[in-house]
Amino acid sequence: MPDPIRFDIRRHDSLWTLTREDTPEGEYSHLDRATHDAVGRARELQDTGTPAQVFVHAEDKAIQIDIYPEPENPDLADNAAAFTRTAPL
């Protein structure tokens, strides 16, 4: 199995920088946007069979971000029937 493609997000001054294998991919003013883009790119690679990882670097730590989609919520099945009231009020 090939080594995973690594996406890293680091803060430089007032911007967050996204890199792919140490190559700059973009700058963001908000961490959530950088993370969203990195996870999206990693998922696209995963869909083609290429492993990928996303890390956010904060202070002296590297935090790996889960890139897998959330499982379907069973309570929302059947158009959220579990939360629908059928009796008159």
PDB file of N, CA and C in Angstrom:
ATOM      1  N   MET A   1       0.853  -1.174   0.000  1.00  0.00           N
ATOM      2  CA  MET A   1       0.000   0.000   0.000  1.00  0.00           C
ATOM      3  C   MET A   1       0.900   1.238   0.000  1.00  0.00           C
ATOM      4  N   PRO A   2       0.580   2.221  -0.829  1.00  0.00           N
ATOM      5  CA  PRO A   2       1.413   3.434  -0.876  1.00  0.00           C
ATOM      6  C   PRO A   2       1.270   4.264   0.399  1.00  0.00           C
ATOM      7  N   ASP A   3       2.273   5.081   0.656  1.00  0.00           N
ATOM      8  CA  ASP A   3       2.193   5.996   1.794  1.00  0.00           C
ATOM      9  C   ASP A   3       1.055   6.979   1.575  1.00  0.00           C
ATOM     10  N   PRO A   4       0.355   7.345   2.638  1.00  0.00           N
ATOM     11  CA  PRO A   4      -0.750   8.307   2.484  1.00  0.00           C
ATOM     12  C   PRO A   4      -0.235   9.680   2.058  1.00  0.00           C
ATOM     13  N   ILE A   5      -1.035  10.349   1.257  1.00  0.00           N
ATOM     14  CA  ILE A   5      -0.772  11.753   0.925  1.00  0.00           C
ATOM     15  C   ILE A   5      -1.058  12.545   2.186  1.00  0.00           C
ATOM     16  N   ARG A   6      -0.149  13.420   2.549  1.00  0.00           N
ATOM     17  CA  ARG A   6      -0.279  14.151   3.820  1.00  0.00           C
ATOM     18  C   ARG A   6      -0.621  15.611   3.556  1.00  0.00           C
ATOM     19  N   PHE A   7      -1.730  16.035   4.184  1.00  0.00           N
ATOM     20  CA  PHE A   7      -2.123  17.435   4.184  1.00  0.00           C
ATOM     21  C   PHE A   7      -1.846  17.990   5.581  1.00  0.00           C
ATOM     22  N   ASP A   8      -1.177  19.135   5.641  1.00  0.00           N
ATOM     23  CA  ASP A   8      -0.862  19.777   6.922  1.00  0.00           C
ATOM     24  C   ASP A   8      -1.388  21.199   6.919  1.00  0.00           C
ATOM     25  N   ILE A   9      -1.915  21.606   8.061  1.00  0.00           N
ATOM     26  CA  ILE A   9      -2.415  22.975   8.232  1.00  0.00           C
ATOM     27  C   ILE A   9      -1.632  23.586   9.390  1.00  0.00           C
ATOM     28  N   ARG A  10      -0.976  24.712   9.096  1.00  0.00           N
ATOM     29  CA  ARG A  10      -0.168  25.412  10.103  1.00  0.00           C
ATOM     30  C   ARG A  10      -0.486  26.904  10.062  1.00  0.00           C
ATOM     31  N   ARG A  11      -0.380  27.515  11.217  1.00  0.00           N
ATOM     32  CA  ARG A  11      -0.610  28.954  11.299  1.00  0.00           C
ATOM     33  C   ARG A  11       0.700  29.705  11.070  1.00  0.00           C
ATOM     34  N   HIS A  12       0.636  30.686  10.186  1.00  0.00           N
ATOM     35  CA  HIS A  12       1.761  31.582   9.923  1.00  0.00           C
ATOM     36  C   HIS A  12       1.229  33.002  10.023  1.00  0.00           C
ATOM     37  N   ASP A  13       1.669  33.706  11.049  1.00  0.00           N
ATOM     38  CA  ASP A  13       1.165  35.050  11.337  1.00  0.00           C
ATOM     39  C   ASP A  13      -0.353  34.985  11.519  1.00  0.00           C
ATOM     40  N   SER A  14      -1.110  35.663  10.679  1.00  0.00           N
ATOM     41  CA  SER A  14      -2.562  35.679  10.868  1.00  0.00           C
ATOM     42  C   SER A  14      -3.292  34.716   9.931  1.00  0.00           C
ATOM     43  N   LEU A  15      -2.556  33.935   9.148  1.00  0.00           N
ATOM     44  CA  LEU A  15      -3.188  33.031   8.187  1.00  0.00           C
ATOM     45  C   LEU A  15      -2.846  31.577   8.483  1.00  0.00           C
ATOM     46  N   TRP A  16      -3.754  30.695   8.079  1.00  0.00           N
ATOM     47  CA  TRP A  16      -3.524  29.255   8.150  1.00  0.00           C
ATOM     48  C   TRP A  16      -3.117  28.794   6.760  1.00  0.00           C
ATOM     49  N   THR A  17      -2.016  28.037   6.681  1.00  0.00           N
ATOM     50  CA  THR A  17      -1.505  27.563   5.401  1.00  0.00           C
ATOM     51  C   THR A  17      -1.749  26.058   5.280  1.00  0.00           C
ATOM     52  N   LEU A  18      -2.342  25.678   4.157  1.00  0.00           N
ATOM     53  CA  LEU A  18      -2.572  24.265   3.846  1.00  0.00           C
ATOM     54  C   LEU A  18      -1.478  23.819   2.891  1.00  0.00           C
ATOM     55  N   THR A  19      -0.797  22.716   3.239  1.00  0.00           N
ATOM     56  CA  THR A  19       0.204  22.137   2.347  1.00  0.00           C
ATOM     57  C   THR A  19      -0.162  20.694   2.046  1.00  0.00           C
ATOM     58  N   ARG A  20       0.236  20.274   0.873  1.00  0.00           N
ATOM     59  CA  ARG A  20       0.093  18.875   0.462  1.00  0.00           C
ATOM     60  C   ARG A  20       1.495  18.368   0.184  1.00  0.00           C
ATOM     61  N   GLU A  21       1.958  17.439   1.016  1.00  0.00           N
ATOM     62  CA  GLU A  21       3.320  16.923   0.872  1.00  0.00           C
ATOM     63  C   GLU A  21       4.327  18.079   0.820  1.00  0.00           C
ATOM     64  N   ASP A  22       4.178  19.043   1.721  1.00  0.00           N
ATOM     65  CA  ASP A  22       5.056  20.207   1.859  1.00  0.00           C
ATOM     66  C   ASP A  22       4.971  21.211   0.714  1.00  0.00           C
ATOM     67  N   THR A  23       4.000  21.057  -0.175  1.00  0.00           N
ATOM     68  CA  THR A  23       3.778  22.026  -1.253  1.00  0.00           C
ATOM     69  C   THR A  23       2.572  22.877  -0.888  1.00  0.00           C
ATOM     70  N   PRO A  24       2.713  24.210  -0.849  1.00  0.00           N
ATOM     71  CA  PRO A  24       1.578  25.068  -0.481  1.00  0.00           C
ATOM     72  C   PRO A  24       0.376  24.858  -1.401  1.00  0.00           C
ATOM     73  N   GLU A  25      -0.792  24.752  -0.778  1.00  0.00           N
ATOM     74  CA  GLU A  25      -2.045  24.559  -1.512  1.00  0.00           C
ATOM     75  C   GLU A  25      -3.012  25.718  -1.313  1.00  0.00           C
ATOM     76  N   GLY A  26      -2.795  26.541  -0.276  1.00  0.00           N
ATOM     77  CA  GLY A  26      -3.693  27.660  -0.057  1.00  0.00           C
ATOM     78  C   GLY A  26      -3.481  28.297   1.305  1.00  0.00           C
ATOM     79  N   GLU A  27      -3.997  29.514   1.437  1.00  0.00           N
ATOM     80  CA  GLU A  27      -3.957  30.241   2.703  1.00  0.00           C
ATOM     81  C   GLU A  27      -5.377  30.622   3.083  1.00  0.00           C
ATOM     82  N   TYR A  28      -5.665  30.565   4.378  1.00  0.00           N
ATOM     83  CA  TYR A  28      -7.016  30.780   4.880  1.00  0.00           C
ATOM     84  C   TYR A  28      -6.967  31.670   6.115  1.00  0.00           C
ATOM     85  N   SER A  29      -7.977  32.489   6.281  1.00  0.00           N
ATOM     86  CA  SER A  29      -8.051  33.330   7.474  1.00  0.00           C
ATOM     87  C   SER A  29      -8.720  32.590   8.630  1.00  0.00           C
ATOM     88  N   HIS A  30      -9.405  31.485   8.329  1.00  0.00           N
ATOM     89  CA  HIS A  30     -10.098  30.718   9.362  1.00  0.00           C
ATOM     90  C   HIS A  30      -9.693  29.253   9.286  1.00  0.00           C
ATOM     91  N   LEU A  31      -9.404  28.671  10.435  1.00  0.00           N
ATOM     92  CA  LEU A  31      -8.992  27.270  10.511  1.00  0.00           C
ATOM     93  C   LEU A  31     -10.078  26.338  10.007  1.00  0.00           C
ATOM     94  N   ASP A  32     -11.346  26.646  10.288  1.00  0.00           N
ATOM     95  CA  ASP A  32     -12.409  25.739   9.864  1.00  0.00           C
ATOM     96  C   ASP A  32     -12.473  25.617   8.350  1.00  0.00           C
ATOM     97  N   ARG A  33     -12.221  26.700   7.638  1.00  0.00           N
ATOM     98  CA  ARG A  33     -12.247  26.653   6.166  1.00  0.00           C
ATOM     99  C   ARG A  33     -11.077  25.834   5.624  1.00  0.00           C
ATOM    100  N   ALA A  34      -9.889  26.020   6.217  1.00  0.00           N
ATOM    101  CA  ALA A  34      -8.716  25.245   5.810  1.00  0.00           C
ATOM    102  C   ALA A  34      -8.950  23.763   6.056  1.00  0.00           C
ATOM    103  N   THR A  35      -9.528  23.438   7.206  1.00  0.00           N
ATOM    104  CA  THR A  35      -9.799  22.043   7.545  1.00  0.00           C
ATOM    105  C   THR A  35     -10.832  21.451   6.598  1.00  0.00           C
ATOM    106  N   HIS A  36     -11.882  22.206   6.315  1.00  0.00           N
ATOM    107  CA  HIS A  36     -12.925  21.744   5.399  1.00  0.00           C
ATOM    108  C   HIS A  36     -12.328  21.422   4.025  1.00  0.00           C
ATOM    109  N   ASP A  37     -11.495  22.317   3.500  1.00  0.00           N
ATOM    110  CA  ASP A  37     -10.889  22.087   2.190  1.00  0.00           C
ATOM    111  C   ASP A  37      -9.936  20.893   2.218  1.00  0.00           C
ATOM    112  N   ALA A  38      -9.133  20.777   3.262  1.00  0.00           N
ATOM    113  CA  ALA A  38      -8.186  19.674   3.361  1.00  0.00           C
ATOM    114  C   ALA A  38      -8.916  18.328   3.438  1.00  0.00           C
ATOM    115  N   VAL A  39      -9.966  18.264   4.242  1.00  0.00           N
ATOM    116  CA  VAL A  39     -10.735  17.023   4.369  1.00  0.00           C
ATOM    117  C   VAL A  39     -11.402  16.686   3.038  1.00  0.00           C
ATOM    118  N   GLY A  40     -11.925  17.673   2.348  1.00  0.00           N
ATOM    119  CA  GLY A  40     -12.533  17.431   1.038  1.00  0.00           C
ATOM    120  C   GLY A  40     -11.536  16.865   0.045  1.00  0.00           C
ATOM    121  N   ARG A  41     -10.334  17.429   0.019  1.00  0.00           N
ATOM    122  CA  ARG A  41      -9.293  16.930  -0.893  1.00  0.00           C
ATOM    123  C   ARG A  41      -8.874  15.517  -0.511  1.00  0.00           C
ATOM    124  N   ALA A  42      -8.750  15.268   0.796  1.00  0.00           N
ATOM    125  CA  ALA A  42      -8.359  13.933   1.257  1.00  0.00           C
ATOM    126  C   ALA A  42      -9.434  12.904   0.907  1.00  0.00           C
ATOM    127  N   ARG A  43     -10.698  13.274   1.043  1.00  0.00           N
ATOM    128  CA  ARG A  43     -11.787  12.345   0.707  1.00  0.00           C
ATOM    129  C   ARG A  43     -11.793  12.038  -0.792  1.00  0.00           C
ATOM    130  N   GLU A  44     -11.519  13.041  -1.616  1.00  0.00           N
ATOM    131  CA  GLU A  44     -11.448  12.802  -3.061  1.00  0.00           C
ATOM    132  C   GLU A  44     -10.357  11.789  -3.384  1.00  0.00           C
ATOM    133  N   LEU A  45      -9.216  11.932  -2.731  1.00  0.00           N
ATOM    134  CA  LEU A  45      -8.136  10.963  -2.944  1.00  0.00           C
ATOM    135  C   LEU A  45      -8.544   9.574  -2.460  1.00  0.00           C
ATOM    136  N   GLN A  46      -9.174   9.494  -1.282  1.00  0.00           N
ATOM    137  CA  GLN A  46      -9.622   8.214  -0.741  1.00  0.00           C
ATOM    138  C   GLN A  46     -10.589   7.534  -1.716  1.00  0.00           C
ATOM    139  N   ASP A  47     -11.453   8.325  -2.340  1.00  0.00           N
ATOM    140  CA  ASP A  47     -12.432   7.767  -3.283  1.00  0.00           C
ATOM    141  C   ASP A  47     -11.765   7.146  -4.503  1.00  0.00           C
ATOM    142  N   THR A  48     -10.551   7.605  -4.841  1.00  0.00           N
ATOM    143  CA  THR A  48      -9.815   7.038  -5.980  1.00  0.00           C
ATOM    144  C   THR A  48      -8.876   5.920  -5.556  1.00  0.00           C
ATOM    145  N   GLY A  49      -8.875   5.598  -4.243  1.00  0.00           N
ATOM    146  CA  GLY A  49      -8.032   4.523  -3.753  1.00  0.00           C
ATOM    147  C   GLY A  49      -6.677   4.971  -3.229  1.00  0.00           C
ATOM    148  N   THR A  50      -6.440   6.273  -3.193  1.00  0.00           N
ATOM    149  CA  THR A  50      -5.185   6.801  -2.673  1.00  0.00           C
ATOM    150  C   THR A  50      -5.384   7.197  -1.220  1.00  0.00           C
ATOM    151  N   PRO A  51      -4.635   6.607  -0.295  1.00  0.00           N
ATOM    152  CA  PRO A  51      -4.804   6.983   1.110  1.00  0.00           C
ATOM    153  C   PRO A  51      -4.347   8.421   1.353  1.00  0.00           C
ATOM    154  N   ALA A  52      -4.988   9.071   2.316  1.00  0.00           N
ATOM    155  CA  ALA A  52      -4.653  10.462   2.638  1.00  0.00           C
ATOM    156  C   ALA A  52      -4.865  10.699   4.124  1.00  0.00           C
ATOM    157  N   GLN A  53      -4.134  11.682   4.649  1.00  0.00           N
ATOM    158  CA  GLN A  53      -4.256  12.077   6.046  1.00  0.00           C
ATOM    159  C   GLN A  53      -4.252  13.596   6.129  1.00  0.00           C
ATOM    160  N   VAL A  54      -4.937  14.118   7.161  1.00  0.00           N
ATOM    161  CA  VAL A  54      -4.971  15.560   7.413  1.00  0.00           C
ATOM    162  C   VAL A  54      -4.523  15.809   8.846  1.00  0.00           C
ATOM    163  N   PHE A  55      -3.608  16.766   9.015  1.00  0.00           N
ATOM    164  CA  PHE A  55      -3.109  17.130  10.335  1.00  0.00           C
ATOM    165  C   PHE A  55      -3.208  18.640  10.523  1.00  0.00           C
ATOM    166  N   VAL A  56      -3.629  19.053  11.709  1.00  0.00           N
ATOM    167  CA  VAL A  56      -3.599  20.466  12.106  1.00  0.00           C
ATOM    168  C   VAL A  56      -2.504  20.596  13.155  1.00  0.00           C
ATOM    169  N   HIS A  57      -1.621  21.544  12.942  1.00  0.00           N
ATOM    170  CA  HIS A  57      -0.510  21.777  13.864  1.00  0.00           C
ATOM    171  C   HIS A  57      -0.839  22.981  14.727  1.00  0.00           C
ATOM    172  N   ALA A  58      -0.873  22.751  16.026  1.00  0.00           N
ATOM    173  CA  ALA A  58      -1.169  23.808  16.991  1.00  0.00           C
ATOM    174  C   ALA A  58      -0.136  23.726  18.104  1.00  0.00           C
ATOM    175  N   GLU A  59       0.572  24.810  18.297  1.00  0.00           N
ATOM    176  CA  GLU A  59       1.652  24.857  19.277  1.00  0.00           C
ATOM    177  C   GLU A  59       2.618  23.715  18.998  1.00  0.00           C
ATOM    178  N   ASP A  60       2.812  22.811  19.938  1.00  0.00           N
ATOM    179  CA  ASP A  60       3.775  21.719  19.756  1.00  0.00           C
ATOM    180  C   ASP A  60       3.108  20.397  19.409  1.00  0.00           C
ATOM    181  N   LYS A  61       1.855  20.433  18.963  1.00  0.00           N
ATOM    182  CA  LYS A  61       1.108  19.202  18.710  1.00  0.00           C
ATOM    183  C   LYS A  61       0.655  19.138  17.256  1.00  0.00           C
ATOM    184  N   ALA A  62       0.573  17.920  16.751  1.00  0.00           N
ATOM    185  CA  ALA A  62      -0.037  17.663  15.450  1.00  0.00           C
ATOM    186  C   ALA A  62      -1.272  16.815  15.714  1.00  0.00           C
ATOM    187  N   ILE A  63      -2.423  17.327  15.362  1.00  0.00           N
ATOM    188  CA  ILE A  63      -3.693  16.655  15.617  1.00  0.00           C
ATOM    189  C   ILE A  63      -4.208  16.099  14.292  1.00  0.00           C
ATOM    190  N   GLN A  64      -4.396  14.767  14.241  1.00  0.00           N
ATOM    191  CA  GLN A  64      -4.914  14.161  13.025  1.00  0.00           C
ATOM    192  C   GLN A  64      -6.425  14.321  12.984  1.00  0.00           C
ATOM    193  N   ILE A  65      -6.916  14.749  11.838  1.00  0.00           N
ATOM    194  CA  ILE A  65      -8.343  14.983  11.630  1.00  0.00           C
ATOM    195  C   ILE A  65      -8.956  13.748  10.971  1.00  0.00           C
ATOM    196  N   ASP A  66     -10.090  13.309  11.487  1.00  0.00           N
ATOM    197  CA  ASP A  66     -10.824  12.183  10.912  1.00  0.00           C
ATOM    198  C   ASP A  66     -11.424  12.633   9.585  1.00  0.00           C
ATOM    199  N   ILE A  67     -11.096  11.934   8.509  1.00  0.00           N
ATOM    200  CA  ILE A  67     -11.582  12.353   7.191  1.00  0.00           C
ATOM    201  C   ILE A  67     -12.756  11.521   6.697  1.00  0.00           C
ATOM    202  N   TYR A  68     -13.177  10.541   7.490  1.00  0.00           N
ATOM    203  CA  TYR A  68     -14.260   9.683   7.041  1.00  0.00           C
ATOM    204  C   TYR A  68     -15.604  10.362   7.254  1.00  0.00           C
ATOM    205  N   PRO A  69     -16.537  10.189   6.325  1.00  0.00           N
ATOM    206  CA  PRO A  69     -17.865  10.799   6.478  1.00  0.00           C
ATOM    207  C   PRO A  69     -18.574  10.244   7.711  1.00  0.00           C
ATOM    208  N   GLU A  70     -19.448  11.064   8.277  1.00  0.00           N
ATOM    209  CA  GLU A  70     -20.227  10.611   9.426  1.00  0.00           C
ATOM    210  C   GLU A  70     -21.205   9.534   8.974  1.00  0.00           C
ATOM    211  N   PRO A  71     -21.411   8.513   9.823  1.00  0.00           N
ATOM    212  CA  PRO A  71     -22.408   7.504   9.461  1.00  0.00           C
ATOM    213  C   PRO A  71     -23.806   8.120   9.459  1.00  0.00           C
ATOM    214  N   GLU A  72     -24.688   7.523   8.698  1.00  0.00           N
ATOM    215  CA  GLU A  72     -26.058   8.030   8.620  1.00  0.00           C
ATOM    216  C   GLU A  72     -26.736   7.910   9.973  1.00  0.00           C
ATOM    217  N   ASN A  73     -27.450   8.941  10.356  1.00  0.00           N
ATOM    218  CA  ASN A  73     -28.171   8.949  11.622  1.00  0.00           C
ATOM    219  C   ASN A  73     -29.474   8.172  11.444  1.00  0.00           C
ATOM    220  N   PRO A  74     -29.650   7.055  12.160  1.00  0.00           N
ATOM    221  CA  PRO A  74     -30.868   6.244  11.972  1.00  0.00           C
ATOM    222  C   PRO A  74     -32.141   6.998  12.367  1.00  0.00           C
ATOM    223  N   ASP A  75     -32.028   7.996  13.246  1.00  0.00           N
ATOM    224  CA  ASP A  75     -33.210   8.763  13.640  1.00  0.00           C
ATOM    225  C   ASP A  75     -33.735   9.625  12.502  1.00  0.00           C
ATOM    226  N   LEU A  76     -32.897   9.873  11.497  1.00  0.00           N
ATOM    227  CA  LEU A  76     -33.325  10.710  10.379  1.00  0.00           C
ATOM    228  C   LEU A  76     -33.791   9.892   9.182  1.00  0.00           C
ATOM    229  N   ALA A  77     -33.859   8.566   9.349  1.00  0.00           N
ATOM    230  CA  ALA A  77     -34.331   7.697   8.269  1.00  0.00           C
ATOM    231  C   ALA A  77     -35.818   7.962   7.995  1.00  0.00           C
ATOM    232  N   ASP A  78     -36.242   7.598   6.835  1.00  0.00           N
ATOM    233  CA  ASP A  78     -37.645   7.763   6.423  1.00  0.00           C
ATOM    234  C   ASP A  78     -38.117   9.204   6.613  1.00  0.00           C
ATOM    235  N   ASN A  79     -37.301  10.129   6.153  1.00  0.00           N
ATOM    236  CA  ASN A  79     -37.652  11.553   6.217  1.00  0.00           C
ATOM    237  C   ASN A  79     -37.910  11.998   7.654  1.00  0.00           C
ATOM    238  N   ALA A  80     -37.072  11.511   8.569  1.00  0.00           N
ATOM    239  CA  ALA A  80     -37.134  11.861  10.000  1.00  0.00           C
ATOM    240  C   ALA A  80     -38.465  11.468  10.622  1.00  0.00           C
ATOM    241  N   ALA A  81     -38.966  10.314  10.254  1.00  0.00           N
ATOM    242  CA  ALA A  81     -40.260   9.841  10.763  1.00  0.00           C
ATOM    243  C   ALA A  81     -40.266   9.743  12.287  1.00  0.00           C
ATOM    244  N   ALA A  82     -39.121   9.481  12.900  1.00  0.00           N
ATOM    245  CA  ALA A  82     -39.057   9.377  14.353  1.00  0.00           C
ATOM    246  C   ALA A  82     -39.374  10.695  15.039  1.00  0.00           C
ATOM    247  N   PHE A  83     -39.260  11.812  14.312  1.00  0.00           N
ATOM    248  CA  PHE A  83     -39.512  13.128  14.910  1.00  0.00           C
ATOM    249  C   PHE A  83     -40.802  13.759  14.397  1.00  0.00           C
ATOM    250  N   THR A  84     -41.580  12.989  13.651  1.00  0.00           N
ATOM    251  CA  THR A  84     -42.807  13.525  13.062  1.00  0.00           C
ATOM    252  C   THR A  84     -44.006  13.124  13.921  1.00  0.00           C
ATOM    253  N   ARG A  85     -44.826  14.090  14.240  1.00  0.00           N
ATOM    254  CA  ARG A  85     -46.024  13.815  15.036  1.00  0.00           C
ATOM    255  C   ARG A  85     -47.211  13.692  14.075  1.00  0.00           C
ATOM    256  N   THR A  86     -47.918  12.604  14.194  1.00  0.00           N
ATOM    257  CA  THR A  86     -49.056  12.398  13.301  1.00  0.00           C
ATOM    258  C   THR A  86     -50.391  12.676  13.990  1.00  0.00           C
ATOM    259  N   ALA A  87     -50.402  12.717  15.317  1.00  0.00           N
ATOM    260  CA  ALA A  87     -51.660  12.973  16.029  1.00  0.00           C
ATOM    261  C   ALA A  87     -51.935  14.483  16.042  1.00  0.00           C
ATOM    262  N   PRO A  88     -53.197  14.869  15.992  1.00  0.00           N
ATOM    263  CA  PRO A  88     -53.502  16.296  16.060  1.00  0.00           C
ATOM    264  C   PRO A  88     -53.126  16.873  17.424  1.00  0.00           C
ATOM    265  N   LEU A  89     -52.769  18.125  17.420  1.00  0.00           N
ATOM    266  CA  LEU A  89     -52.410  18.797  18.683  1.00  0.00           C
ATOM    267  C   LEU A  89     -53.628  19.172  19.472  1.00  0.00           C
TER     268      LEU A  89
END
